[in-house]
Amino acid sequence: MNDSQATWQLLEDFAQAFNRHDLDAVMSRMTDACVFLAAAGPNPDGQRFEGQAAVRKAFADFIAARPDVQWNAPKHSIAGDRAITEWRFTCTMPDGSQVDTEGLDVFHLKDGKIWIKSTFRKQRA
């Protein structure tokens, strides 16, 4: 398996782990010093979470509030130590409203794992 194939498999396994809500599998694919940049937050880059414990808690809290959340039909693109996964995001929000929108994650890769995950999602009017 070449580097591109290994990266594609990493991204696919990561996406499927998210859709199973398997945080052990998700976090095993991220570096110890991982960073998650959420789609929304107080800063230009969203809200920043650093390190395994903080990133895991952010993911767990997000999933707990939206137990049916899915990132559907992931499509991966890879360029060296960067990658993108496009997806269609669906969930029921805590207020009962439905979300169905497109988005993507931009990844920075390091030592065969995900170092930075920066999420972008369309905001429907």
Protein backbone atom coordinates (compact mmCIF):
# COMPACT_ATOMS: atom_id res chain seq x y z
CA MET A 1 0.00 0.00 0.00
CA ASN A 2 1.49 3.38 -0.98
CA ASP A 3 1.25 6.59 1.09
CA SER A 4 -1.78 7.89 -0.83
CA GLN A 5 -3.64 4.60 -0.38
CA ALA A 6 -2.76 4.52 3.33
CA THR A 7 -3.99 8.10 3.75
CA TRP A 8 -7.21 7.33 1.87
CA GLN A 9 -7.79 4.34 4.19
CA LEU A 10 -7.06 6.50 7.26
CA LEU A 11 -9.64 9.06 6.13
CA GLU A 12 -12.22 6.41 5.23
CA ASP A 13 -11.77 4.63 8.58
CA PHE A 14 -12.01 7.98 10.39
CA ALA A 15 -15.24 8.88 8.56
CA GLN A 16 -16.82 5.49 9.25
CA ALA A 17 -15.80 5.64 12.92
CA PHE A 18 -17.55 9.01 13.22
CA ASN A 19 -20.71 7.59 11.65
CA ARG A 20 -20.65 4.72 14.16
CA HIS A 21 -20.04 7.31 16.92
CA ASP A 22 -17.02 5.19 17.92
CA LEU A 23 -14.84 7.76 19.66
CA ASP A 24 -12.12 5.24 20.53
CA ALA A 25 -11.68 4.51 16.82
CA VAL A 26 -11.90 8.22 15.91
CA MET A 27 -9.27 9.27 18.42
CA SER A 28 -6.92 6.39 17.57
CA ARG A 29 -6.55 8.00 14.13
CA MET A 30 -5.49 11.37 15.55
CA THR A 31 -2.09 12.39 16.93
CA ASP A 32 -1.59 12.90 20.66
CA ALA A 33 -1.21 16.66 20.03
CA CYS A 34 -4.28 16.81 17.77
CA VAL A 35 -6.26 19.97 17.09
CA PHE A 36 -9.94 20.32 16.17
CA LEU A 37 -11.15 23.62 14.70
CA ALA A 38 -14.95 23.60 14.91
CA ALA A 39 -17.09 25.15 12.17
CA ALA A 40 -18.49 27.75 14.57
CA GLY A 41 -16.98 29.65 17.43
CA PRO A 42 -15.68 32.97 18.70
CA ASN A 43 -12.51 33.07 16.58
CA PRO A 44 -11.87 33.43 12.83
CA ASP A 45 -10.96 29.70 12.79
CA GLY A 46 -14.05 28.69 14.81
CA GLN A 47 -13.59 27.18 18.26
CA ARG A 48 -10.22 25.52 18.91
CA PHE A 49 -9.77 22.30 20.90
CA GLU A 50 -6.24 20.98 21.52
CA GLY A 51 -5.03 17.57 22.70
CA GLN A 52 -6.67 14.16 22.82
CA ALA A 53 -8.82 14.84 25.91
CA ALA A 54 -10.21 18.21 24.73
CA VAL A 55 -10.86 17.02 21.17
CA ARG A 56 -12.55 13.82 22.36
CA LYS A 57 -14.79 15.81 24.72
CA ALA A 58 -15.77 18.23 21.92
CA PHE A 59 -16.70 15.31 19.65
CA ALA A 60 -18.55 13.47 22.46
CA ASP A 61 -20.55 16.57 23.44
CA PHE A 62 -21.48 17.23 19.80
CA ILE A 63 -22.67 13.66 19.23
CA ALA A 64 -24.53 13.50 22.57
CA ALA A 65 -26.60 16.55 21.58
CA ARG A 66 -27.36 15.05 18.13
CA PRO A 67 -27.55 11.27 18.56
CA ASP A 68 -28.60 10.64 14.93
CA VAL A 69 -25.78 12.73 13.38
CA GLN A 70 -24.19 11.35 10.21
CA TRP A 71 -21.56 12.55 7.75
CA ASN A 72 -22.87 10.88 4.59
CA ALA A 73 -21.10 9.87 1.36
CA PRO A 74 -17.57 10.95 2.31
CA LYS A 75 -15.26 11.78 -0.64
CA HIS A 76 -11.54 12.12 0.06
CA SER A 77 -8.91 14.17 -1.79
CA ILE A 78 -5.25 13.96 -0.82
CA ALA A 79 -2.29 16.24 -1.54
CA GLY A 80 0.86 15.33 0.40
CA ASP A 81 0.38 16.09 4.10
CA ARG A 82 -3.01 17.72 3.49
CA ALA A 83 -6.34 16.12 2.71
CA ILE A 84 -10.01 17.03 2.35
CA THR A 85 -13.09 14.97 3.04
CA GLU A 86 -16.37 16.29 1.61
CA TRP A 87 -19.64 15.06 3.13
CA ARG A 88 -23.36 15.65 3.51
CA PHE A 89 -24.22 16.37 7.13
CA THR A 90 -27.59 15.30 8.55
CA CYS A 91 -28.92 15.36 12.09
CA THR A 92 -31.75 16.32 14.39
CA MET A 93 -30.85 19.34 16.49
CA PRO A 94 -31.66 19.52 20.23
CA ASP A 95 -34.70 21.72 19.41
CA GLY A 96 -36.05 19.03 17.04
CA SER A 97 -35.21 20.83 13.80
CA GLN A 98 -33.62 18.86 10.97
CA VAL A 99 -30.27 19.72 9.38
CA ASP A 100 -29.27 18.55 5.90
CA THR A 101 -26.30 20.43 4.46
CA GLU A 102 -22.91 19.96 2.82
CA GLY A 103 -19.52 20.51 4.35
CA LEU A 104 -15.95 19.36 4.45
CA ASP A 105 -13.01 18.76 6.71
CA VAL A 106 -9.52 20.00 5.89
CA PHE A 107 -6.91 17.75 7.46
CA HIS A 108 -3.23 18.29 8.24
CA LEU A 109 -1.52 14.91 8.52
CA LYS A 110 1.51 13.94 10.57
CA ASP A 111 3.20 10.57 11.08
CA GLY A 112 0.34 8.68 9.42
CA LYS A 113 -2.37 10.23 11.58
CA ILE A 114 -4.63 13.28 11.62
CA TRP A 115 -2.98 16.20 13.38
CA ILE A 116 -5.47 19.01 12.60
CA LYS A 117 -9.14 18.67 11.64
CA SER A 118 -10.71 21.94 10.49
CA THR A 119 -14.44 21.73 9.75
CA PHE A 120 -16.40 23.88 7.28
CA ARG A 121 -20.17 23.54 6.86
CA LYS A 122 -22.73 25.36 4.75
CA GLN A 123 -25.18 27.46 6.72
CA ARG A 124 -28.67 27.14 5.24
CA ALA A 125 -31.00 30.12 5.48
